[in-house]
C-alpha cells in the first residue's frame, strides 16, 4: 500500500497544498491507514534529523553572502562589467542579461536570487531600450537557471549530502555545463534578433563611474595576484621548494603586471574603471573554489568565508552598507534559508517512506525491463526528470529521486558525478519550465507580466537548454574533464 505515496503526493500538489505539507501528509496518511503508527513518529522525527547536518550549513551561509553582495551594490557592478563586454552587440542588453547571470552565479548559487536581483534591474532597462516586457522577463528567467549550475550551487550541496558525493567534485563538474547553457542562450538571442526586432548594436556610454582610493589599490593587487597565480599554476616551471617557490611565484606576478600594463594602452579609461570595479566582487568564486581545491577549507567553511569576504567588501572596501542594513539582510537570508531547509527536512522524512515501500527496487526492476542499453535509459530518465521538474522544486526532487535513480545508472556504468550533473541540470532547467516553474512566477512578479505570456516567450530558450542537457548526457567529458584533471574524479 505504501507504494501509493508518490501519486498521493502529486494529488496534494494538484489541489494546491504547499510542497512541505504534501511531503509529510502523503506518507503520513498512508502509514496511518496501514497501521504503522510507530513509523509516523519516525517520519516526523526525521524532519529535524534531515536538517541537522554540517554540510547543509553551507546553504544559509551562501544565501547570506548573496544578500550581502546584492545589497552592497555588487549586482550593478556585474551588470556594468557585462555591458562593457557585450553591450555593443545586437540585442546587447539581452546578451548582458545572460552574462550577468553567469557572473552572478558565482556569488549566489540560486536561480530565485538571480531572477529577483537582476530582473528588478534589467527588465525595466530592457523595456526602456525597446524590448518587450515579456521578452525581457523570459530571458531573465531562462538565464537564471545558470545560477544553481555554476558553483557555488545549493542543489549540488543537497545532492552531495543525500548521495555522499564530493561537493568539490560536483562544483567543478558544473562549471562547463553552466557556461555552455549561457553560450547557447547568447547564440539563440543573436539568431532570433531579427524575429523579435531586437535593438541595434550601439556603443555603451558610462558616465560618472568612479573608483574609491582603497578599492583602486585592492583591485590593482587582486588582478596581478590572480593572473600571476594562474601563470604560476599552468606554466611549465621546474619543481621548486622553500624560497624558490616564492621566487617563481613573484616572477609570475611580475609577468602578470607587465601583461596588464601592455593591455592598458589598448582600452579606454572608462573600460578600465568598469573592469576594476568588477574585480573585487568576482574574487568571491575564486576564493570559494580556490580554498576548496587547495584543501584550505571545506565547502561549508568556504560559505562562511564568503560571508566574511562580503561583509569586508561591503563595509570597508566599497562602503556601500551600514549597520542599519543588516537586520533586513539577515531576515531575508533567514527566511529564504528556512524555506530551503524545511523542504530538505521534509524530503528526507519522505525518503524514509521511500525505503519502507521498496519503491527503489520496484522502479529499478521496471526500468531495466524497458531496456538494458544505458543510452536509451538515459534518454528516458531525462524525459522523466524534465516532467518532474515542471511540478517539483529541484531540492526535494533530488532528495526523493536521487537515491532511487542514481544506483541504477551507476550499476550500468554511468559515473556517479556525471549522473549527478545530468540530474541537477535537468531539474534546474525545470525551475524555468511551465506550468509550475518557480522562477517564472518570480519573473512575473518582478516584471508585472503574466506568467502565461512569459511561458510562451521562453520556449526558444528552453529548447536550447534541453539540447544542452542531452549534450551533457551523451558527452561525459563536458562535465567530467575538470574534476578528473584536478583529481576529484577517477
Protein backbone atom coordinates (compact mmCIF):
# COMPACT_ATOMS: atom_id res chain seq x y z
CA UNK A 1 0.00 0.00 0.00
CA UNK A 2 2.89 2.38 0.75
CA UNK A 3 3.81 2.39 -2.95
CA UNK A 4 0.96 4.89 -3.46
CA UNK A 5 2.85 7.62 -1.59
CA UNK A 6 4.03 9.32 -4.79
CA UNK A 7 0.63 9.50 -6.59
CA UNK A 8 -0.95 10.80 -3.37
CA UNK A 9 1.79 13.43 -3.05
CA UNK A 10 1.19 14.58 -6.65
CA UNK A 11 -2.55 14.76 -5.93
CA UNK A 12 -1.89 17.03 -2.95
CA UNK A 13 0.24 19.28 -5.16
CA UNK A 14 -2.51 19.49 -7.79
CA UNK A 15 -5.10 20.64 -5.24
CA UNK A 16 -2.74 23.40 -4.10
CA UNK A 17 -1.20 22.02 -0.89
CA UNK A 18 2.28 23.50 -0.27
CA UNK A 19 5.14 21.13 -1.09
CA UNK A 20 6.36 20.98 2.53
CA UNK A 21 3.00 19.78 3.86
CA UNK A 22 2.45 17.45 0.88
CA UNK A 23 5.79 15.74 1.53
CA UNK A 24 4.69 14.95 5.10
CA UNK A 25 0.95 14.42 4.66
CA UNK A 26 1.10 11.86 1.83
CA UNK A 27 3.36 9.29 3.56
CA UNK A 28 1.89 10.07 7.00
CA UNK A 29 -1.65 9.32 5.84
CA UNK A 30 -0.62 6.06 4.18
CA UNK A 31 1.31 4.92 7.24
CA UNK A 32 -1.73 5.61 9.42
CA UNK A 33 -4.03 3.71 7.05
CA UNK A 34 -1.51 0.85 7.00
CA UNK A 35 -1.49 0.62 10.80
CA UNK A 36 2.15 1.74 11.10
CA UNK A 37 1.71 4.44 13.75
CA UNK A 38 5.24 3.91 15.11
CA UNK A 39 6.68 4.75 11.69
CA UNK A 40 4.72 8.02 11.69
CA UNK A 41 6.80 9.11 14.70
CA UNK A 42 9.96 8.18 12.80
CA UNK A 43 8.72 10.14 9.78
CA UNK A 44 8.27 13.43 11.62
CA UNK A 45 11.42 13.00 13.75
CA UNK A 46 13.38 12.78 10.50
CA UNK A 47 12.26 16.28 9.56
CA UNK A 48 14.65 17.66 12.18
CA UNK A 49 17.30 15.00 11.57
CA UNK A 50 17.26 15.85 7.86
CA UNK A 51 18.17 19.48 8.61
CA UNK A 52 20.68 18.72 11.38
CA UNK A 53 23.74 18.45 9.14
CA UNK A 54 27.05 20.31 8.98
CA UNK A 55 27.27 20.22 5.12
CA UNK A 56 23.81 21.81 4.87
CA UNK A 57 25.02 24.81 6.88
CA UNK A 58 26.64 25.96 3.62
CA UNK A 59 23.18 26.80 2.23
CA UNK A 60 22.24 29.62 4.68
CA UNK A 61 25.79 30.99 4.50
CA UNK A 62 25.70 31.17 0.69
CA UNK A 63 22.22 32.73 0.87
CA UNK A 64 23.54 35.38 3.27
CA UNK A 65 26.61 36.04 1.11
CA UNK A 66 24.34 36.57 -1.91
CA UNK A 67 22.13 39.02 0.01
CA UNK A 68 25.16 40.96 1.26
CA UNK A 69 26.64 41.18 -2.23
CA UNK A 70 23.32 42.31 -3.70
CA UNK A 71 22.65 44.94 -1.04
CA UNK A 72 26.27 46.10 -1.18
CA UNK A 73 25.95 47.24 -4.80
CA UNK A 74 27.71 44.24 -6.30
CA UNK A 75 24.93 43.47 -8.79
CA UNK A 76 25.15 46.83 -10.55
CA UNK A 77 28.93 46.40 -10.91
CA UNK A 78 28.50 43.00 -12.55
CA UNK A 79 25.86 44.39 -14.91
CA UNK A 80 28.12 47.31 -15.89
CA UNK A 81 31.02 44.91 -16.46
CA UNK A 82 28.76 42.77 -18.66
CA UNK A 83 27.68 45.88 -20.58
CA UNK A 84 31.29 46.84 -21.16
CA UNK A 85 31.96 43.40 -22.67
CA UNK A 86 28.69 42.67 -24.52
CA UNK A 87 26.61 45.85 -24.61
CA UNK A 88 27.80 46.91 -28.07
CA UNK A 89 26.32 43.80 -29.78
CA UNK A 90 22.93 43.46 -31.48
CA UNK A 91 20.43 42.86 -28.67
CA UNK A 92 23.14 43.98 -26.27
CA UNK A 93 21.07 44.15 -23.06
CA UNK A 94 19.72 40.64 -23.65
CA UNK A 95 23.31 39.42 -24.00
CA UNK A 96 24.22 41.40 -20.89
CA UNK A 97 21.37 39.68 -19.04
CA UNK A 98 22.85 36.24 -19.76
CA UNK A 99 26.46 37.22 -19.00
CA UNK A 100 25.35 38.86 -15.74
CA UNK A 101 23.64 35.61 -14.75
CA UNK A 102 26.87 33.69 -15.41
CA UNK A 103 28.84 36.12 -13.24
CA UNK A 104 26.14 36.34 -10.54
CA UNK A 105 26.04 32.53 -10.36
CA UNK A 106 29.46 32.60 -8.77
CA UNK A 107 28.08 34.69 -5.92
CA UNK A 108 24.64 33.34 -5.01
CA UNK A 109 24.10 29.85 -6.47
CA UNK A 110 20.35 30.49 -6.52
CA UNK A 111 18.06 30.86 -9.53
CA UNK A 112 15.47 32.77 -7.50
CA UNK A 113 18.07 35.27 -6.21
CA UNK A 114 19.34 35.72 -9.78
CA UNK A 115 15.85 36.40 -11.16
CA UNK A 116 14.97 38.79 -8.36
CA UNK A 117 18.24 40.75 -8.25
CA UNK A 118 18.99 41.00 -11.97
CA UNK A 119 15.35 41.09 -13.11
CA UNK A 120 14.46 44.10 -10.99
CA UNK A 121 17.36 45.97 -12.60
CA UNK A 122 17.49 44.67 -16.18
CA UNK A 123 13.82 44.16 -17.09
CA UNK A 124 12.97 47.90 -16.77
CA UNK A 125 16.23 48.83 -18.54
CA UNK A 126 15.47 46.42 -21.41
CA UNK A 127 11.92 47.70 -21.72
CA UNK A 128 13.25 51.27 -21.89
CA UNK A 129 15.63 50.23 -24.70
CA UNK A 130 12.75 48.86 -26.81
CA UNK A 131 12.47 45.19 -25.75
CA UNK A 132 9.01 43.85 -24.99
CA UNK A 133 8.43 43.23 -21.31
CA UNK A 134 7.60 39.56 -21.84
CA UNK A 135 10.85 39.01 -23.80
CA UNK A 136 12.90 40.71 -21.09
CA UNK A 137 11.21 38.62 -18.38
CA UNK A 138 11.64 35.42 -20.43
CA UNK A 139 15.39 35.84 -20.98
CA UNK A 140 15.81 36.76 -17.29
CA UNK A 141 14.02 33.56 -16.21
CA UNK A 142 15.85 31.40 -18.77
CA UNK A 143 19.30 32.70 -17.84
CA UNK A 144 18.65 32.47 -14.09
CA UNK A 145 18.85 28.65 -14.19
CA UNK A 146 22.61 29.07 -14.70
CA UNK A 147 22.82 30.15 -11.03
CA UNK A 148 22.47 26.67 -9.46
CA UNK A 149 24.71 25.03 -12.10
CA UNK A 150 27.87 27.15 -11.84
CA UNK A 151 29.42 26.88 -8.34
CA UNK A 152 28.56 27.58 -5.63
CA UNK A 153 25.32 25.65 -6.02
CA UNK A 154 22.72 24.97 -3.35
CA UNK A 155 21.19 21.98 -5.10
CA UNK A 156 24.59 20.35 -5.60
CA UNK A 157 25.26 20.70 -1.88
CA UNK A 158 21.93 18.94 -1.28
CA UNK A 159 22.77 16.19 -3.80
CA UNK A 160 26.20 15.64 -2.23
CA UNK A 161 24.59 15.48 1.23
CA UNK A 162 21.98 12.91 0.17
CA UNK A 163 24.18 10.72 -2.04
CA UNK A 164 27.52 11.01 -0.23
CA UNK A 165 29.34 12.63 -3.16
CA UNK A 166 32.15 15.18 -3.01
CA UNK A 167 30.82 18.75 -3.04
CA UNK A 168 34.05 19.96 -4.66
CA UNK A 169 33.73 17.37 -7.45
CA UNK A 170 30.14 18.45 -8.18
CA UNK A 171 31.10 22.13 -8.11
CA UNK A 172 33.89 21.53 -10.62
CA UNK A 173 31.67 19.35 -12.82
CA UNK A 174 29.10 22.15 -13.07
CA UNK A 175 31.43 24.84 -14.45
CA UNK A 176 31.46 23.86 -18.14
CA UNK A 177 27.75 22.85 -18.35
CA UNK A 178 26.77 26.20 -16.81
CA UNK A 179 28.92 28.16 -19.26
CA UNK A 180 27.54 26.01 -22.10
CA UNK A 181 23.97 26.93 -21.17
CA UNK A 182 24.93 30.61 -21.15
CA UNK A 183 26.69 30.45 -24.53
CA UNK A 184 23.70 28.59 -26.01
CA UNK A 185 21.32 31.32 -24.82
CA UNK A 186 23.58 34.03 -26.28
CA UNK A 187 23.61 32.26 -29.65
CA UNK A 188 19.80 31.96 -29.57
CA UNK A 189 19.50 35.70 -28.83
CA UNK A 190 21.62 36.52 -31.87
CA UNK A 191 19.75 34.05 -34.11
CA UNK A 192 16.34 35.45 -33.11
CA UNK A 193 17.40 39.11 -33.16
CA UNK A 194 15.55 39.83 -36.43
CA UNK A 195 12.44 37.87 -35.48
CA UNK A 196 11.99 39.79 -32.23
CA UNK A 197 13.28 43.06 -33.73
CA UNK A 198 15.90 43.48 -31.03
CA UNK A 199 17.59 46.87 -30.70
CA UNK A 200 20.53 47.55 -33.00
CA UNK A 201 24.11 47.47 -31.77
CA UNK A 202 25.37 50.66 -30.19
CA UNK A 203 28.27 51.73 -28.02
CA UNK A 204 27.56 51.79 -24.30
CA UNK A 205 28.41 55.06 -22.59
CA UNK A 206 29.43 55.13 -18.91
CA UNK A 207 29.15 58.47 -17.17
CA UNK A 208 30.20 59.27 -13.64
CA UNK A 209 31.74 55.86 -12.91
CA UNK A 210 34.28 56.30 -10.15
CA UNK A 211 36.65 54.14 -8.15
CA UNK A 212 37.49 54.72 -4.48
CA UNK A 213 41.14 55.02 -3.43
CA UNK A 214 41.12 51.81 -1.34
CA UNK A 215 39.19 49.86 -3.98
CA UNK A 216 41.64 51.03 -6.64
CA UNK A 217 44.61 49.53 -4.81
CA UNK A 218 42.74 46.37 -3.79
CA UNK A 219 41.71 45.81 -7.44
CA UNK A 220 45.27 46.55 -8.57
CA UNK A 221 46.67 43.90 -6.22
CA UNK A 222 43.97 41.27 -6.85
CA UNK A 223 44.29 41.50 -10.65
CA UNK A 224 48.03 40.84 -10.51
CA UNK A 225 47.79 38.13 -7.85
CA UNK A 226 45.09 36.21 -9.73
CA UNK A 227 46.78 36.36 -13.13
CA UNK A 228 50.16 35.67 -11.56
CA UNK A 229 48.77 32.63 -9.73
CA UNK A 230 47.23 31.36 -12.98
CA UNK A 231 50.58 31.71 -14.78
CA UNK A 232 52.38 30.04 -11.87
CA UNK A 233 49.98 27.07 -11.93
CA UNK A 234 49.86 26.41 -15.69
CA UNK A 235 53.39 27.41 -16.73
CA UNK A 236 55.88 24.52 -17.18
CA UNK A 237 58.10 25.61 -14.30
CA UNK A 238 60.61 23.24 -12.65
CA UNK A 239 59.68 21.72 -9.29
CA UNK A 240 60.77 24.03 -6.51
CA UNK A 241 60.54 24.19 -2.75
CA UNK A 242 61.15 26.66 0.05
CA UNK A 243 62.48 30.04 -1.03
CA UNK A 244 62.50 29.17 -4.76
CA UNK A 245 58.73 28.61 -4.65
CA UNK A 246 58.22 32.21 -3.59
CA UNK A 247 60.75 33.45 -6.15
CA UNK A 248 58.94 31.73 -9.03
CA UNK A 249 55.57 32.99 -7.76
CA UNK A 250 56.81 36.59 -7.54
CA UNK A 251 58.25 36.23 -11.06
CA UNK A 252 54.81 35.12 -12.28
CA UNK A 253 53.22 38.18 -10.60
CA UNK A 254 55.81 40.41 -12.34
CA UNK A 255 54.88 38.84 -15.71
CA UNK A 256 51.19 39.46 -14.92
CA UNK A 257 51.95 43.11 -14.14
CA UNK A 258 53.76 43.52 -17.48
CA UNK A 259 50.85 41.94 -19.37
CA UNK A 260 48.31 44.25 -17.70
CA UNK A 261 50.46 47.30 -18.48
CA UNK A 262 50.57 46.24 -22.14
CA UNK A 263 46.77 45.78 -22.23
CA UNK A 264 46.24 49.14 -20.52
CA UNK A 265 47.08 51.06 -23.68
CA UNK A 266 44.59 49.05 -25.79
CA UNK A 267 41.38 50.07 -23.95
CA UNK A 268 39.70 53.27 -22.81
CA UNK A 269 39.94 54.63 -19.28
CA UNK A 270 36.18 54.05 -18.74
CA UNK A 271 36.53 50.40 -19.70
CA UNK A 272 39.48 50.01 -17.32
CA UNK A 273 37.47 51.56 -14.48
CA UNK A 274 34.49 49.27 -15.09
CA UNK A 275 36.78 46.22 -15.09
CA UNK A 276 38.49 47.33 -11.89
CA UNK A 277 35.09 47.78 -10.20
CA UNK A 278 34.24 44.16 -11.05
CA UNK A 279 37.46 42.58 -9.76
CA UNK A 280 36.58 42.70 -6.05
CA UNK A 281 33.12 41.04 -6.46
CA UNK A 282 34.46 38.43 -8.90
CA UNK A 283 37.04 37.40 -6.33
CA UNK A 284 34.26 35.60 -4.41
CA UNK A 285 34.05 32.45 -6.61
CA UNK A 286 37.86 32.45 -6.89
CA UNK A 287 38.10 32.49 -3.11
CA UNK A 288 35.48 29.74 -2.69
CA UNK A 289 36.81 27.33 -5.33
CA UNK A 290 40.45 28.10 -4.64
CA UNK A 291 40.04 27.41 -0.94
CA UNK A 292 38.15 24.16 -1.50
CA UNK A 293 40.52 22.85 -4.18
CA UNK A 294 43.56 23.87 -2.19
CA UNK A 295 42.30 21.98 0.85
CA UNK A 296 42.26 25.17 2.93
CA UNK A 297 38.62 24.77 3.99
CA UNK A 298 35.55 22.60 3.45
CA UNK A 299 32.57 23.78 1.30
CA UNK A 300 30.68 24.76 4.47
CA UNK A 301 33.66 26.72 5.76
CA UNK A 302 34.03 28.25 2.28
CA UNK A 303 30.46 29.54 2.56
CA UNK A 304 31.29 31.19 5.90
CA UNK A 305 34.45 32.70 4.37
CA UNK A 306 32.29 34.06 1.50
CA UNK A 307 30.07 35.81 4.07
CA UNK A 308 33.10 37.29 5.83
CA UNK A 309 34.51 38.48 2.50
CA UNK A 310 31.14 40.01 1.50
CA UNK A 311 30.97 41.90 4.82
CA UNK A 312 34.55 43.13 4.42
CA UNK A 313 33.95 44.29 0.84
CA UNK A 314 30.59 45.98 1.51
CA UNK A 315 31.60 47.73 4.74
CA UNK A 316 35.28 48.57 4.29
CA UNK A 317 36.22 48.45 0.58
CA UNK A 318 33.11 49.69 -1.25
CA UNK A 319 31.50 51.31 1.82
CA UNK A 320 28.05 50.77 0.34
CA UNK A 321 26.42 49.37 3.51
CA UNK A 322 25.87 50.39 7.10
CA UNK A 323 24.84 48.53 10.25
CA UNK A 324 21.24 49.69 9.68
CA UNK A 325 21.08 47.45 6.60
CA UNK A 326 21.97 44.24 8.45
CA UNK A 327 18.59 43.41 10.09
CA UNK A 328 16.79 43.44 6.74
CA UNK A 329 19.56 41.40 5.06
CA UNK A 330 19.64 38.81 7.86
CA UNK A 331 15.84 38.44 7.89
CA UNK A 332 15.67 37.91 4.12
CA UNK A 333 18.52 35.40 4.15
CA UNK A 334 16.99 33.63 7.17
CA UNK A 335 13.57 33.38 5.53
CA UNK A 336 14.99 32.01 2.27
CA UNK A 337 17.22 29.54 4.11
CA UNK A 338 14.32 28.39 6.29
CA UNK A 339 12.22 27.58 3.22
CA UNK A 340 15.05 25.54 1.68
CA UNK A 341 15.96 23.70 4.89
CA UNK A 342 12.33 22.88 5.73
CA UNK A 343 11.93 21.38 2.26
CA UNK A 344 15.13 19.39 2.74
CA UNK A 345 13.96 18.13 6.14
CA UNK A 346 10.54 17.14 4.81
CA UNK A 347 12.09 15.48 1.77
CA UNK A 348 14.48 13.48 3.97
CA UNK A 349 11.48 12.31 6.02
CA UNK A 350 9.71 11.48 2.75
CA UNK A 351 12.77 9.45 1.81
CA UNK A 352 12.13 7.24 4.88
CA UNK A 353 8.86 6.05 3.37
CA UNK A 354 10.57 5.57 0.01
CA UNK A 355 12.83 2.99 1.64
CA UNK A 356 9.96 1.35 3.58
CA UNK A 357 7.90 0.94 0.41
CA UNK A 358 10.65 -0.81 -1.61
CA UNK A 359 9.96 1.72 -4.37
CA UNK A 360 13.63 1.87 -5.50
CA UNK A 361 13.78 -1.86 -6.13
CA UNK A 362 10.40 -1.91 -7.86
CA UNK A 363 11.28 1.05 -10.09
CA UNK A 364 14.74 -0.35 -10.86
CA UNK A 365 13.25 -3.67 -11.96
CA UNK A 366 10.71 -1.86 -14.11
CA UNK A 367 13.28 0.43 -15.75
CA UNK A 368 15.55 -2.49 -16.62
CA UNK A 369 12.62 -4.24 -18.36
CA UNK A 370 12.37 -1.28 -20.76
CA UNK A 371 15.95 -1.63 -21.99
CA UNK A 372 19.42 -2.61 -20.83
CA UNK A 373 21.08 -0.03 -23.07
CA UNK A 374 22.31 2.85 -20.85
CA UNK A 375 21.96 5.38 -23.69
CA UNK A 376 18.26 4.62 -24.17
CA UNK A 377 17.66 4.60 -20.42
CA UNK A 378 19.41 7.97 -20.04
CA UNK A 379 17.11 9.40 -22.70
CA UNK A 380 14.03 8.10 -20.85
CA UNK A 381 15.29 9.33 -17.49
CA UNK A 382 15.90 12.79 -18.95
CA UNK A 383 12.26 12.86 -20.05
CA UNK A 384 11.14 11.78 -16.58
CA UNK A 385 13.29 14.38 -14.83
CA UNK A 386 12.11 17.10 -17.21
CA UNK A 387 8.47 16.30 -16.40
CA UNK A 388 9.19 16.12 -12.67
CA UNK A 389 10.99 19.47 -12.86
CA UNK A 390 7.83 21.09 -14.25
CA UNK A 391 5.97 20.45 -11.00
CA UNK A 392 8.50 19.92 -8.20
CA UNK A 393 11.32 22.10 -6.90
CA UNK A 394 14.84 20.85 -7.61
CA UNK A 395 15.86 20.26 -3.97
CA UNK A 396 13.00 17.94 -2.96
CA UNK A 397 13.13 16.21 -6.36
CA UNK A 398 16.82 15.38 -5.87
CA UNK A 399 16.26 14.02 -2.37
CA UNK A 400 13.28 11.89 -3.47
CA UNK A 401 14.57 10.58 -6.82
CA UNK A 402 18.36 10.62 -6.28
CA UNK A 403 18.50 7.52 -4.05
CA UNK A 404 16.14 5.71 -6.45
CA UNK A 405 17.74 6.54 -9.80
CA UNK A 406 21.47 7.05 -9.10
CA UNK A 407 22.24 3.43 -8.04
CA UNK A 408 20.52 2.08 -11.18
CA UNK A 409 22.74 4.07 -13.53
CA UNK A 410 25.97 3.67 -11.59
CA UNK A 411 25.40 -0.10 -11.82
CA UNK A 412 25.06 0.36 -15.59
CA UNK A 413 28.46 2.07 -15.77
CA UNK A 414 27.48 5.76 -15.64
CA UNK A 415 29.87 7.75 -13.43
CA UNK A 416 28.13 8.90 -10.23
CA UNK A 417 29.34 12.50 -10.65
CA UNK A 418 28.23 12.54 -14.29
CA UNK A 419 24.75 11.34 -13.31
CA UNK A 420 24.62 13.96 -10.53
CA UNK A 421 25.23 16.71 -13.10
CA UNK A 422 22.63 15.26 -15.50
CA UNK A 423 20.06 15.23 -12.73
CA UNK A 424 20.98 18.63 -11.28
CA UNK A 425 20.99 20.48 -14.62
CA UNK A 426 17.75 18.82 -15.75
CA UNK A 427 15.86 19.67 -12.57
CA UNK A 428 17.34 23.18 -12.54
CA UNK A 429 16.01 23.84 -16.04
CA UNK A 430 12.67 22.67 -14.65
CA UNK A 431 12.66 25.82 -12.49
CA UNK A 432 12.01 27.82 -15.68
CA UNK A 433 9.64 25.30 -17.30
CA UNK A 434 5.86 25.87 -17.50
CA UNK A 435 3.45 25.35 -15.87
CA UNK A 436 4.91 25.41 -12.32
CA UNK A 437 8.49 26.66 -12.80
CA UNK A 438 9.33 28.74 -9.72
CA UNK A 439 11.44 31.36 -11.50
CA UNK A 440 8.60 32.00 -13.95
CA UNK A 441 6.49 33.25 -11.05
CA UNK A 442 9.40 35.31 -9.67
CA UNK A 443 10.00 36.82 -13.13
CA UNK A 444 6.27 37.59 -13.39
CA UNK A 445 6.32 39.34 -10.01
CA UNK A 446 9.43 41.38 -10.92
CA UNK A 447 8.25 42.35 -14.42
CA UNK A 448 4.48 42.70 -13.65
CA UNK A 449 3.87 40.44 -16.68
CA UNK A 450 1.54 37.42 -16.81
CA UNK A 451 3.12 34.00 -16.32
CA UNK A 452 1.36 32.68 -19.46
CA UNK A 453 2.94 35.29 -21.74
CA UNK A 454 6.40 34.72 -20.23
CA UNK A 455 5.93 30.95 -20.69
CA UNK A 456 5.33 31.41 -24.42
CA UNK A 457 8.31 33.74 -24.90
CA UNK A 458 10.68 31.43 -23.02
CA UNK A 459 10.12 28.36 -25.26
CA UNK A 460 13.03 29.02 -27.72
CA UNK A 461 15.43 29.41 -24.79
CA UNK A 462 14.12 26.25 -23.14
CA UNK A 463 14.78 24.39 -26.39
CA UNK A 464 18.45 25.42 -26.17
CA UNK A 465 18.68 24.34 -22.53
CA UNK A 466 17.13 20.96 -23.32
CA UNK A 467 19.64 20.50 -26.15
CA UNK A 468 22.46 21.25 -23.69
CA UNK A 469 21.05 18.67 -21.26
CA UNK A 470 21.24 15.93 -23.90
CA UNK A 471 24.72 17.10 -24.92
CA UNK A 472 25.86 16.82 -21.28
CA UNK A 473 24.19 13.41 -21.04
CA UNK A 474 25.87 11.83 -24.06
CA UNK A 475 29.25 13.60 -23.88
CA UNK A 476 30.50 12.90 -20.33
CA UNK A 477 33.76 14.79 -20.95
CA UNK A 478 31.83 18.09 -20.79
CA UNK A 479 31.20 17.68 -17.09
CA UNK A 480 33.95 15.21 -16.12
CA UNK A 481 37.11 16.78 -17.58
CA UNK A 482 37.75 19.40 -14.87
CA UNK A 483 37.08 17.04 -11.91
CA UNK A 484 39.42 14.48 -13.50
CA UNK A 485 42.18 16.99 -14.21
CA UNK A 486 42.06 18.21 -10.61
CA UNK A 487 41.98 14.70 -9.14
CA UNK A 488 38.43 14.88 -7.76
CA UNK A 489 37.14 12.11 -10.08
CA UNK A 490 38.60 8.94 -11.50
